[in-house]
Amino acid sequence: MEKAFKGIDISKHQASYNPATAMAQGVRHVVVRTNYATTADTLAAQFAKAAMEAGQQVWGYAFATWHYT
């Protein structure tokens, strides 16, 4: 059985995200929302950079929707 890992999904709504605190709590993986429909997430680049500098593995995703364009 493979060992599970701790990860979080963050967007501009988690403005208080602190990679050092997350690492101390065992969070090694961060999934960053890069945009919502056609709107860029204003904190995505900042979050990704901070997470990488803290040693976390970073993934990104775009939330696609046709409801709010």
C-alpha atoms as a PDB file:
ATOM      1  CA  MET A   1       0.000   0.000   0.000  1.00  0.00           C
ATOM      2  CA  GLU A   2       1.335   3.425  -0.924  1.00  0.00           C
ATOM      3  CA  LYS A   3       1.776   6.062   1.734  1.00  0.00           C
ATOM      4  CA  ALA A   4      -0.711   8.935   1.528  1.00  0.00           C
ATOM      5  CA  PHE A   5       0.540  12.491   1.281  1.00  0.00           C
ATOM      6  CA  LYS A   6      -0.761  15.769   2.641  1.00  0.00           C
ATOM      7  CA  GLY A   7      -1.711  18.451   0.167  1.00  0.00           C
ATOM      8  CA  ILE A   8      -3.865  21.557  -0.038  1.00  0.00           C
ATOM      9  CA  ASP A   9      -5.794  23.385  -2.744  1.00  0.00           C
ATOM     10  CA  ILE A  10      -5.420  27.163  -2.554  1.00  0.00           C
ATOM     11  CA  SER A  11      -6.726  30.214  -4.375  1.00  0.00           C
ATOM     12  CA  LYS A  12      -7.028  33.932  -3.666  1.00  0.00           C
ATOM     13  CA  HIS A  13      -9.621  33.033  -1.035  1.00  0.00           C
ATOM     14  CA  GLN A  14      -6.848  31.596   1.163  1.00  0.00           C
ATOM     15  CA  ALA A  15      -4.911  34.875   1.333  1.00  0.00           C
ATOM     16  CA  SER A  16      -3.476  33.900   4.727  1.00  0.00           C
ATOM     17  CA  TYR A  17      -1.655  30.862   3.254  1.00  0.00           C
ATOM     18  CA  ASN A  18       1.761  30.537   4.875  1.00  0.00           C
ATOM     19  CA  PRO A  19       4.060  27.896   3.348  1.00  0.00           C
ATOM     20  CA  ALA A  20       6.278  27.652   6.427  1.00  0.00           C
ATOM     21  CA  THR A  21       3.281  26.909   8.640  1.00  0.00           C
ATOM     22  CA  ALA A  22       1.943  24.418   6.089  1.00  0.00           C
ATOM     23  CA  MET A  23       5.313  22.624   5.903  1.00  0.00           C
ATOM     24  CA  ALA A  24       5.458  22.451   9.711  1.00  0.00           C
ATOM     25  CA  GLN A  25       2.060  20.743   9.607  1.00  0.00           C
ATOM     26  CA  GLY A  26       3.276  18.184   7.072  1.00  0.00           C
ATOM     27  CA  VAL A  27       1.776  19.722   3.915  1.00  0.00           C
ATOM     28  CA  ARG A  28       4.245  18.904   1.135  1.00  0.00           C
ATOM     29  CA  HIS A  29       2.000  19.419  -1.902  1.00  0.00           C
ATOM     30  CA  VAL A  30       0.117  22.526  -3.018  1.00  0.00           C
ATOM     31  CA  VAL A  31      -2.407  22.763  -5.843  1.00  0.00           C
ATOM     32  CA  VAL A  32      -2.795  26.394  -6.906  1.00  0.00           C
ATOM     33  CA  ARG A  33      -5.845  27.640  -8.804  1.00  0.00           C
ATOM     34  CA  THR A  34      -4.503  29.743 -11.670  1.00  0.00           C
ATOM     35  CA  ASN A  35      -7.807  31.109 -12.914  1.00  0.00           C
ATOM     36  CA  TYR A  36     -11.577  31.003 -12.575  1.00  0.00           C
ATOM     37  CA  ALA A  37     -13.258  30.969 -15.991  1.00  0.00           C
ATOM     38  CA  THR A  38     -11.528  33.815 -17.857  1.00  0.00           C
ATOM     39  CA  THR A  39     -10.305  35.636 -14.742  1.00  0.00           C
ATOM     40  CA  ALA A  40      -6.755  35.084 -13.490  1.00  0.00           C
ATOM     41  CA  ASP A  41      -6.330  34.304  -9.807  1.00  0.00           C
ATOM     42  CA  THR A  42      -4.518  37.357  -8.438  1.00  0.00           C
ATOM     43  CA  LEU A  43      -2.427  35.395  -5.915  1.00  0.00           C
ATOM     44  CA  ALA A  44      -1.541  32.300  -7.964  1.00  0.00           C
ATOM     45  CA  ALA A  45       1.979  33.332  -8.976  1.00  0.00           C
ATOM     46  CA  GLN A  46       2.794  34.578  -5.471  1.00  0.00           C
ATOM     47  CA  PHE A  47       1.518  31.342  -3.896  1.00  0.00           C
ATOM     48  CA  ALA A  48       3.385  29.111  -6.362  1.00  0.00           C
ATOM     49  CA  LYS A  49       6.681  30.955  -5.852  1.00  0.00           C
ATOM     50  CA  ALA A  50       6.383  30.908  -2.048  1.00  0.00           C
ATOM     51  CA  ALA A  51       5.468  27.222  -1.985  1.00  0.00           C
ATOM     52  CA  MET A  52       8.392  26.247  -4.225  1.00  0.00           C
ATOM     53  CA  GLU A  53      10.795  28.314  -2.119  1.00  0.00           C
ATOM     54  CA  ALA A  54       9.505  26.485   0.975  1.00  0.00           C
ATOM     55  CA  GLY A  55      10.215  23.127  -0.682  1.00  0.00           C
ATOM     56  CA  GLN A  56       6.640  22.160  -1.444  1.00  0.00           C
ATOM     57  CA  GLN A  57       5.683  20.409  -4.673  1.00  0.00           C
ATOM     58  CA  VAL A  58       3.409  22.714  -6.671  1.00  0.00           C
ATOM     59  CA  TRP A  59       0.669  21.863  -9.131  1.00  0.00           C
ATOM     60  CA  GLY A  60      -1.766  24.212 -10.808  1.00  0.00           C
ATOM     61  CA  TYR A  61      -5.234  24.044 -12.274  1.00  0.00           C
ATOM     62  CA  ALA A  62      -7.660  26.249 -14.152  1.00  0.00           C
ATOM     63  CA  PHE A  63     -11.260  26.195 -12.962  1.00  0.00           C
ATOM     64  CA  ALA A  64     -13.313  26.168 -16.143  1.00  0.00           C
ATOM     65  CA  THR A  65     -16.935  27.232 -16.072  1.00  0.00           C
ATOM     66  CA  TRP A  66     -19.373  28.684 -18.537  1.00  0.00           C
ATOM     67  CA  HIS A  67     -21.610  30.269 -15.892  1.00  0.00           C
ATOM     68  CA  TYR A  68     -19.558  33.381 -15.159  1.00  0.00           C
ATOM     69  CA  THR A  69     -17.708  34.846 -18.099  1.00  0.00           C
END
